Protein backbone atom coordinates (compact mmCIF):
# COMPACT_ATOMS: atom_id res chain seq x y z
CA MET A 1 22.54 -40.80 -25.72
CA LYS A 2 20.19 -39.48 -23.04
CA LEU A 3 16.97 -37.65 -23.81
CA CYS A 4 18.38 -34.53 -22.16
CA ASP A 5 21.38 -34.59 -24.52
CA ILE A 6 19.05 -34.89 -27.51
CA SER A 7 17.04 -31.88 -26.29
CA LEU A 8 20.17 -29.77 -25.74
CA ASN A 9 21.58 -30.69 -29.17
CA SER A 10 18.25 -29.84 -30.79
CA LEU A 11 18.17 -26.44 -29.07
CA TRP A 12 21.70 -25.71 -30.22
CA ARG A 13 20.98 -26.68 -33.84
CA ARG A 14 17.95 -24.38 -33.89
CA LYS A 15 19.49 -21.67 -31.75
CA THR A 16 18.19 -18.76 -33.85
CA ARG A 17 14.56 -19.87 -33.62
CA MET A 18 14.91 -20.83 -29.97
CA LEU A 19 16.60 -17.52 -29.18
CA PHE A 20 13.50 -15.79 -30.52
CA LEU A 21 11.35 -17.88 -28.16
CA LEU A 22 13.72 -17.21 -25.25
CA ILE A 23 13.62 -13.45 -25.83
CA GLY A 24 9.82 -13.47 -26.14
CA LEU A 25 9.32 -15.35 -22.88
CA THR A 26 11.94 -13.24 -21.09
CA ILE A 27 10.22 -10.01 -22.13
CA ALA A 28 6.83 -11.39 -21.08
CA ILE A 29 8.04 -12.46 -17.63
CA SER A 30 10.09 -9.30 -17.07
CA THR A 31 7.05 -7.17 -17.95
CA VAL A 32 4.96 -9.00 -15.36
CA VAL A 33 7.71 -8.60 -12.75
CA ILE A 34 8.05 -4.89 -13.54
CA LEU A 35 4.31 -4.26 -13.28
CA VAL A 36 3.89 -6.23 -10.06
CA ASN A 37 6.93 -4.67 -8.37
CA VAL A 38 6.13 -1.11 -9.45
CA SER A 39 2.47 -1.58 -8.51
CA ARG A 40 3.48 -2.87 -5.08
CA ALA A 41 5.90 0.02 -4.58
CA MET A 42 3.31 2.60 -5.65
CA ASN A 43 0.62 1.06 -3.45
CA ALA A 44 2.94 0.91 -0.46
CA ASP A 45 4.11 4.48 -1.05
CA ILE A 46 0.55 5.78 -1.43
CA ALA A 47 -0.58 3.86 1.65
CA LYS A 48 2.37 5.13 3.67
CA LYS A 49 1.68 8.75 2.72
CA LEU A 50 -2.06 8.45 3.33
CA ASP A 51 -1.55 6.64 6.62
CA GLU A 52 0.73 9.44 7.80
CA TYR A 53 -1.54 12.20 6.53
CA GLY A 54 -4.08 12.65 9.28
CA ALA A 55 -6.54 10.67 11.36
CA ASN A 56 -8.75 7.90 10.02
CA ILE A 57 -10.52 6.94 13.26
CA LEU A 58 -12.50 9.32 15.48
CA ILE A 59 -13.50 8.49 19.06
CA VAL A 60 -16.13 10.60 20.86
CA PRO A 61 -18.24 10.03 24.00
CA ASN A 62 -21.73 8.59 23.72
CA SER A 63 -23.79 11.67 24.61
CA ASP A 64 -26.90 13.53 23.50
CA GLU A 65 -25.75 16.86 24.89
CA LEU A 66 -24.40 20.01 23.23
CA SER A 67 -23.01 19.39 19.74
CA LEU A 68 -20.26 21.22 17.92
CA SER A 69 -18.61 20.52 14.60
CA TYR A 70 -14.97 19.55 14.44
CA GLY A 71 -13.26 18.37 11.27
CA GLY A 72 -16.53 17.65 9.50
CA MET A 73 -17.66 15.36 12.34
CA THR A 74 -20.23 16.12 15.03
CA VAL A 75 -18.58 16.29 18.44
CA SER A 76 -21.03 15.78 21.28
CA GLY A 77 -21.02 15.91 25.04
CA LEU A 78 -18.82 18.95 25.59
CA SER A 79 -20.72 20.19 28.63
CA VAL A 80 -21.72 17.05 30.47
CA ASP A 81 -18.87 14.76 31.42
CA GLN A 82 -20.84 11.81 32.76
CA LYS A 83 -19.70 9.77 29.78
CA ALA A 84 -16.62 11.80 28.95
CA LEU A 85 -13.45 10.16 27.74
CA ASN A 86 -10.44 10.30 30.03
CA ASP A 87 -6.69 9.85 30.03
CA GLN A 88 -7.00 6.14 30.83
CA ASP A 89 -8.93 5.61 27.61
CA ILE A 90 -5.89 6.84 25.69
CA GLN A 91 -3.82 4.04 27.20
CA LYS A 92 -6.54 1.46 26.53
CA ILE A 93 -6.38 2.22 22.80
CA ARG A 94 -2.75 1.12 22.86
CA THR A 95 -3.73 -2.31 24.24
CA ILE A 96 -6.00 -3.55 21.43
CA LYS A 97 -5.07 -6.69 19.51
CA ASN A 98 -3.92 -4.71 16.45
CA LYS A 99 -2.01 -2.19 18.56
CA GLU A 100 0.99 -2.39 16.21
CA ASN A 101 -1.17 -0.72 13.56
CA ILE A 102 -1.87 2.30 15.78
CA SER A 103 0.46 5.05 14.63
CA ILE A 104 -0.72 8.19 16.45
CA VAL A 105 -3.22 8.82 19.24
CA ALA A 106 -4.12 12.51 19.54
CA PRO A 107 -6.52 13.39 22.40
CA LYS A 108 -8.28 16.76 22.54
CA LEU A 109 -10.23 18.73 25.14
CA LEU A 110 -12.56 21.30 23.56
CA SER A 111 -13.79 24.28 25.56
CA VAL A 112 -15.03 27.82 25.02
CA ALA A 113 -13.40 30.94 26.44
CA GLU A 114 -13.68 34.72 26.20
CA VAL A 115 -10.68 36.53 24.70
CA GLN A 116 -10.91 40.30 24.23
CA ALA A 117 -14.69 40.08 24.67
CA LYS A 118 -14.95 37.55 21.85
CA THR A 119 -15.87 33.90 22.17
CA VAL A 120 -13.29 31.47 20.83
CA MET A 121 -12.86 27.73 20.99
CA VAL A 122 -9.83 26.55 22.95
CA VAL A 123 -8.42 23.10 22.26
CA GLY A 124 -6.18 21.29 24.69
CA VAL A 125 -3.81 18.99 22.81
CA ASP A 126 -0.64 17.00 23.20
CA PHE A 127 1.52 19.05 20.85
CA ASP A 128 3.86 16.19 19.95
CA SER A 129 0.95 13.97 18.87
CA GLU A 130 -0.93 16.82 17.20
CA THR A 131 1.98 17.97 15.05
CA ALA A 132 2.77 14.35 14.13
CA LEU A 133 -0.86 13.84 13.12
CA LYS A 134 -1.16 17.06 11.15
CA LYS A 135 1.96 17.12 9.04
CA TRP A 136 0.45 19.84 6.87
CA TRP A 137 0.63 22.35 9.71
CA LYS A 138 3.02 25.21 9.00
CA ILE A 139 3.79 27.07 12.20
CA ILE A 140 5.15 30.60 12.18
CA GLY A 141 7.28 30.59 15.29
CA VAL A 142 7.90 27.48 17.37
CA LYS A 143 5.98 24.59 18.87
CA PRO A 144 5.06 25.38 22.51
CA GLY A 145 7.71 24.23 24.93
CA ASP A 146 5.74 24.56 28.18
CA GLU A 147 2.17 24.75 29.44
CA TRP A 148 2.07 28.57 29.34
CA GLU A 149 2.57 28.77 25.57
CA ALA A 150 -0.09 28.53 22.87
CA ILE A 151 -0.60 28.29 19.13
CA ILE A 152 -3.35 30.32 17.45
CA GLY A 153 -5.00 29.88 14.07
CA SER A 154 -4.78 32.45 11.28
CA GLU A 155 -8.40 33.60 11.78
CA VAL A 156 -7.83 34.16 15.50
CA LYS A 157 -4.75 36.22 14.68
CA GLN A 158 -6.72 38.46 12.31
CA LYS A 159 -9.89 38.84 14.39
CA LEU A 160 -8.06 39.54 17.66
CA ASN A 161 -5.16 41.40 16.04
CA LEU A 162 -2.58 39.22 17.76
CA GLY A 163 1.04 38.62 16.90
CA LEU A 164 3.91 36.31 17.71
CA ASN A 165 5.19 36.45 21.32
CA GLN A 166 2.19 38.52 22.45
CA THR A 167 0.06 37.30 25.36
CA ILE A 168 -3.60 36.37 25.74
CA GLN A 169 -5.77 35.89 28.81
CA LEU A 170 -7.68 32.62 29.19
CA LYS A 171 -9.77 32.20 32.32
CA GLY A 172 -7.64 34.78 34.08
CA GLU A 173 -4.32 33.14 33.20
CA THR A 174 -1.73 34.48 30.77
CA PHE A 175 -0.46 32.52 27.78
CA LYS A 176 2.31 33.48 25.39
CA ILE A 177 1.70 33.01 21.66
CA ALA A 178 4.63 30.79 20.66
CA GLY A 179 3.34 30.01 17.18
CA ILE A 180 0.78 31.05 14.59
CA LEU A 181 -0.68 28.56 12.11
CA GLU A 182 -0.53 29.49 8.48
CA GLU A 183 -3.96 29.25 6.87
CA THR A 184 -5.07 25.63 6.54
CA GLY A 185 -8.59 26.12 5.20
CA SER A 186 -9.94 24.00 8.06
CA GLN A 187 -11.49 24.60 11.48
CA ASP A 188 -7.96 24.86 12.90
CA ASP A 189 -7.75 28.45 11.59
CA GLY A 190 -10.29 29.58 14.20
CA LEU A 191 -8.88 27.75 17.23
CA ILE A 192 -6.48 28.42 20.08
CA PHE A 193 -4.32 25.42 21.00
CA ILE A 194 -2.85 24.97 24.47
CA ASP A 195 -1.30 22.08 26.38
CA LEU A 196 -3.81 19.32 27.20
CA LYS A 197 -2.90 19.00 30.89
CA LYS A 198 -3.10 22.76 31.32
CA ALA A 199 -6.49 22.86 29.58
CA GLN A 200 -7.83 20.14 31.89
CA SER A 201 -6.74 22.21 34.89
CA LEU A 202 -7.86 25.54 33.43
CA PHE A 203 -11.39 24.40 32.57
CA HIS A 204 -11.75 22.21 35.69
CA LYS A 205 -11.98 18.97 33.75
CA PRO A 206 -9.23 16.84 35.28
CA ALA A 207 -8.17 13.83 33.17
CA SER A 208 -11.04 14.47 30.71
CA VAL A 209 -10.84 14.61 26.92
CA SER A 210 -13.59 15.54 24.45
CA LEU A 211 -12.45 13.35 21.58
CA ILE A 212 -9.54 11.26 20.40
CA GLU A 213 -8.24 11.16 16.83
CA VAL A 214 -6.34 8.03 15.83
CA ALA A 215 -4.11 7.48 12.82
CA ALA A 216 -4.05 3.74 12.07
CA LEU A 217 -1.68 2.23 9.54
CA CYS A 218 -4.23 0.39 7.43
CA TYR A 219 -2.36 -0.67 4.30
CA ASP A 220 -2.39 -4.29 5.45
CA CYS A 221 -4.98 -4.28 8.23
CA PRO A 222 -8.80 -4.32 8.34
CA ILE A 223 -9.93 -0.93 9.63
CA GLU A 224 -13.25 -2.38 10.80
CA GLU A 225 -11.44 -4.78 13.11
CA ILE A 226 -9.50 -1.92 14.70
CA VAL A 227 -12.76 -0.02 15.19
CA ALA A 228 -14.40 -3.09 16.76
CA GLN A 229 -11.44 -3.76 19.05
CA THR A 230 -11.35 -0.12 20.16
CA SER A 231 -15.11 -0.11 20.78
CA GLU A 232 -14.70 -3.20 22.96
CA LYS A 233 -12.03 -1.43 25.03
CA LEU A 234 -14.11 1.77 25.25
CA PRO A 235 -17.75 0.68 25.71
CA GLY A 236 -18.80 4.22 26.64
CA ALA A 237 -17.46 5.75 23.44
CA LYS A 238 -18.51 5.96 19.82
CA VAL A 239 -15.70 4.82 17.53
CA THR A 240 -16.02 5.78 13.87
CA ALA A 241 -13.82 5.10 10.86
CA ILE A 242 -13.52 8.17 8.66
CA ARG A 243 -14.78 6.37 5.55
CA GLN A 244 -13.71 8.88 2.97
CA SER A 245 -10.04 8.51 3.90
CA ILE A 246 -10.13 4.71 3.93
CA GLU A 247 -12.25 4.24 0.80
CA THR A 248 -10.17 6.67 -1.22
CA LYS A 249 -7.01 4.90 -0.14
CA MET A 250 -8.30 1.43 -1.01
CA GLU A 251 -9.77 2.60 -4.32
CA THR A 252 -6.43 4.08 -5.35
CA MET A 253 -4.52 0.91 -4.46
CA HIS A 254 -7.00 -1.42 -6.15
CA ARG A 255 -6.87 0.66 -9.34
CA PHE A 256 -3.13 0.07 -9.69
CA GLU A 257 -3.50 -3.62 -8.81
CA HIS A 258 -6.21 -4.21 -11.41
CA PHE A 259 -4.23 -2.37 -14.06
CA SER A 260 -1.09 -4.43 -13.44
CA LEU A 261 -3.03 -7.72 -13.37
CA GLY A 262 -4.80 -6.92 -16.64
CA ILE A 263 -1.63 -5.98 -18.49
CA SER A 264 0.21 -9.00 -17.04
CA ALA A 265 -2.48 -11.36 -18.31
CA VAL A 266 -2.28 -9.90 -21.82
CA ILE A 267 1.52 -10.16 -21.86
CA LEU A 268 1.43 -13.79 -20.70
CA VAL A 269 -1.06 -14.70 -23.42
CA ILE A 270 1.23 -13.13 -26.01
CA GLY A 271 4.18 -15.07 -24.56
CA ALA A 272 2.21 -18.31 -24.73
CA LEU A 273 1.31 -17.66 -28.38
CA ILE A 274 4.98 -17.06 -29.20
CA ALA A 275 5.93 -20.34 -27.50
CA PHE A 276 3.13 -22.25 -29.25
CA THR A 277 4.02 -20.88 -32.69
CA THR A 278 7.75 -21.50 -32.27
CA MET A 279 7.42 -25.06 -30.94
CA SER A 280 4.82 -25.97 -33.59
CA ALA A 281 7.15 -24.76 -36.34
CA SER A 282 10.00 -26.71 -34.75
CA VAL A 283 7.95 -29.93 -34.76
CA ASN A 284 7.04 -29.47 -38.43
CA GLU A 285 10.72 -29.05 -39.29
CA ARG A 286 11.69 -32.20 -37.39
CA LYS A 287 9.39 -34.77 -38.99
CA LYS A 288 12.36 -36.66 -40.44
CA GLU A 289 14.20 -36.63 -37.12
CA ILE A 290 11.12 -37.83 -35.25
CA GLY A 291 10.59 -40.60 -37.85
CA VAL A 292 14.14 -41.84 -37.29
CA PHE A 293 13.66 -41.80 -33.51
CA ARG A 294 10.44 -43.81 -33.80
CA SER A 295 12.02 -46.31 -36.22
CA ILE A 296 14.87 -47.10 -33.81
CA GLY A 297 12.53 -47.79 -30.91
CA PHE A 298 11.62 -44.44 -29.33
CA ARG A 299 8.12 -44.53 -27.91
CA GLN A 300 5.58 -41.69 -28.05
CA ARG A 301 6.36 -40.69 -24.47
CA HIS A 302 10.05 -40.39 -25.35
CA ILE A 303 9.25 -37.96 -28.16
CA MET A 304 7.04 -35.94 -25.83
CA GLN A 305 9.75 -35.90 -23.17
CA ILE A 306 12.27 -34.51 -25.67
CA ILE A 307 9.91 -31.68 -26.67
CA PHE A 308 8.94 -30.93 -23.07
CA LEU A 309 12.57 -30.91 -21.95
CA GLU A 310 13.35 -28.30 -24.58
CA ALA A 311 10.44 -26.16 -23.38
CA LEU A 312 11.45 -26.71 -19.75
CA ILE A 313 15.04 -25.58 -20.34
CA LEU A 314 14.01 -22.49 -22.31
CA SER A 315 11.25 -21.57 -19.85
CA GLY A 316 13.55 -21.93 -16.84
CA ILE A 317 16.19 -19.68 -18.39
CA ALA A 318 13.52 -17.17 -19.46
CA GLY A 319 12.00 -17.13 -15.97
CA LEU A 320 15.31 -16.40 -14.26
CA ALA A 321 16.40 -13.83 -16.86
CA GLY A 322 12.93 -12.24 -16.86
CA TYR A 323 12.95 -11.82 -13.09
CA LEU A 324 16.43 -10.26 -13.01
CA LEU A 325 15.61 -7.92 -15.90
CA GLY A 326 12.23 -7.01 -14.42
CA TRP A 327 13.70 -6.36 -10.97
CA PHE A 328 16.43 -4.13 -12.41
CA VAL A 329 13.96 -2.08 -14.46
CA ALA A 330 11.49 -1.84 -11.54
CA VAL A 331 14.19 -0.55 -9.18
CA ASN A 332 15.04 2.22 -11.63
CA ALA A 333 11.42 2.92 -12.64
CA ALA A 334 9.92 3.20 -9.14
CA PRO A 335 11.31 6.72 -8.48
CA LEU A 336 9.88 7.89 -11.82
CA VAL A 337 6.33 7.04 -10.73
CA GLY A 338 6.56 8.70 -7.32
CA ALA A 339 7.68 5.77 -5.15
CA GLU A 340 11.11 7.25 -4.55
CA THR A 341 10.99 6.64 -0.79
CA LEU A 342 10.66 2.86 -1.11
CA THR A 343 13.15 0.20 -2.11
CA ILE A 344 12.38 -2.96 -4.06
CA PRO A 345 14.36 -5.86 -2.57
CA VAL A 346 15.22 -9.11 -4.30
CA ASP A 347 12.20 -11.22 -3.42
CA SER A 348 12.56 -15.01 -3.42
CA VAL A 349 8.77 -15.42 -3.60
CA MET A 350 8.63 -13.18 -6.66
CA LEU A 351 11.50 -15.15 -8.21
CA LEU A 352 9.63 -18.41 -7.69
CA MET A 353 6.49 -16.80 -9.12
CA ALA A 354 8.42 -15.68 -12.22
CA LEU A 355 9.88 -19.16 -12.71
CA GLY A 356 6.46 -20.74 -12.19
CA LEU A 357 4.75 -18.42 -14.67
CA SER A 358 7.48 -18.96 -17.22
CA LEU A 359 7.32 -22.75 -16.90
CA LEU A 360 3.53 -22.73 -16.97
CA THR A 361 3.46 -20.51 -20.05
CA GLY A 362 6.26 -22.23 -21.97
CA VAL A 363 5.46 -25.84 -21.12
CA GLY A 364 1.70 -25.27 -21.32
CA ALA A 365 2.01 -23.83 -24.82
CA THR A 366 4.12 -26.84 -25.85
CA VAL A 367 1.52 -29.49 -24.97
CA HIS A 368 -0.19 -29.48 -28.37
CA PRO A 369 3.06 -29.48 -30.42
CA ALA A 370 4.46 -32.28 -28.22
CA VAL A 371 1.35 -34.43 -28.62
CA LYS A 372 1.37 -33.75 -32.35
CA ALA A 373 5.02 -34.81 -32.59
CA ALA A 374 4.40 -38.01 -30.59
CA ARG A 375 1.52 -39.01 -32.86
CA LEU A 376 3.44 -38.61 -36.11
CA ASP A 377 3.32 -41.79 -38.20
CA PRO A 378 6.98 -42.93 -38.50
CA THR A 379 6.37 -44.49 -41.93
CA VAL A 380 5.09 -41.18 -43.29
CA ALA A 381 8.03 -39.33 -41.77
CA LEU A 382 10.56 -41.81 -43.20
CA ARG A 383 9.17 -41.45 -46.73
CA ALA A 384 10.53 -37.90 -46.76
CA LEU A 385 14.10 -39.17 -46.34
């Protein structure tokens, strides 16, 4: 009879006790799989939403000239264009090493104009990029379809008593109000937005831009490297990561990761204690059996192999069952915690991790009982017969 057959027969004879161990390990591994998968899904979902929700890199010219505030940042060099950004700089941003992490590039030209004897700030933008960057914008009307259409903020509408489809005069040229922004609570409420190319022509600043906002997908990329690469491409510009956005994002993700790791560690310790208790009790029950094995020539290593084989079989089954159960629960639990837009695929790496953890926990907890069984004095064990 082979050692494997002895282990299988022993497991079958003690199936109730071993079933308890199997269930305990399965629950422990499935809990770890659930926490890791749900944590990953939540982190990815949070990162995706934050990445899509506005700019996290601001690019402005290096200048000591006139300063204005835009989006909580100081925008300089609006009057003197010696170091102004230009349209070519927009293309250079797309050529950095981590260009695949660049989601949106939104250039802006800021200028001042008189409308109905009142001074307002006019912003030239690429409307496709701007609306993609600012998904919170709610436009009453439509997005401008040509260079003669504009969008105005809610404050501009109130102060100038303007309405949808009315016209305004900017530098002697007529623009139709195609859309009105609902109140955002930001500087956008007091701005007039027109097409970037038209603004460059209107204010006699061909190919110039005042600043560039960049949305970088930074869930799995170092934001500082993107800033450094962009600075290298644009030596005449100041490239700044909007820290609050990045730090809040990373803090949120790390909180979930630390929580899942802490709970997983506790669950694995409990699983190891269950395995240790069960295998120790099994060894105590099998003193007679072990004495017989030793008396017919089984060496200490043979006894240890029998015990370890039992733990190996149970741990392998528990690892596979735990992964499948954990994956199934995680798939159904992810929408309940707000990660409804993401799917959790069957991950071979996660499966191997589950099997490895199960084997490490089960076999590791069996070391002491196996050594204890191998060191049993066969004469003492045989006296009990």
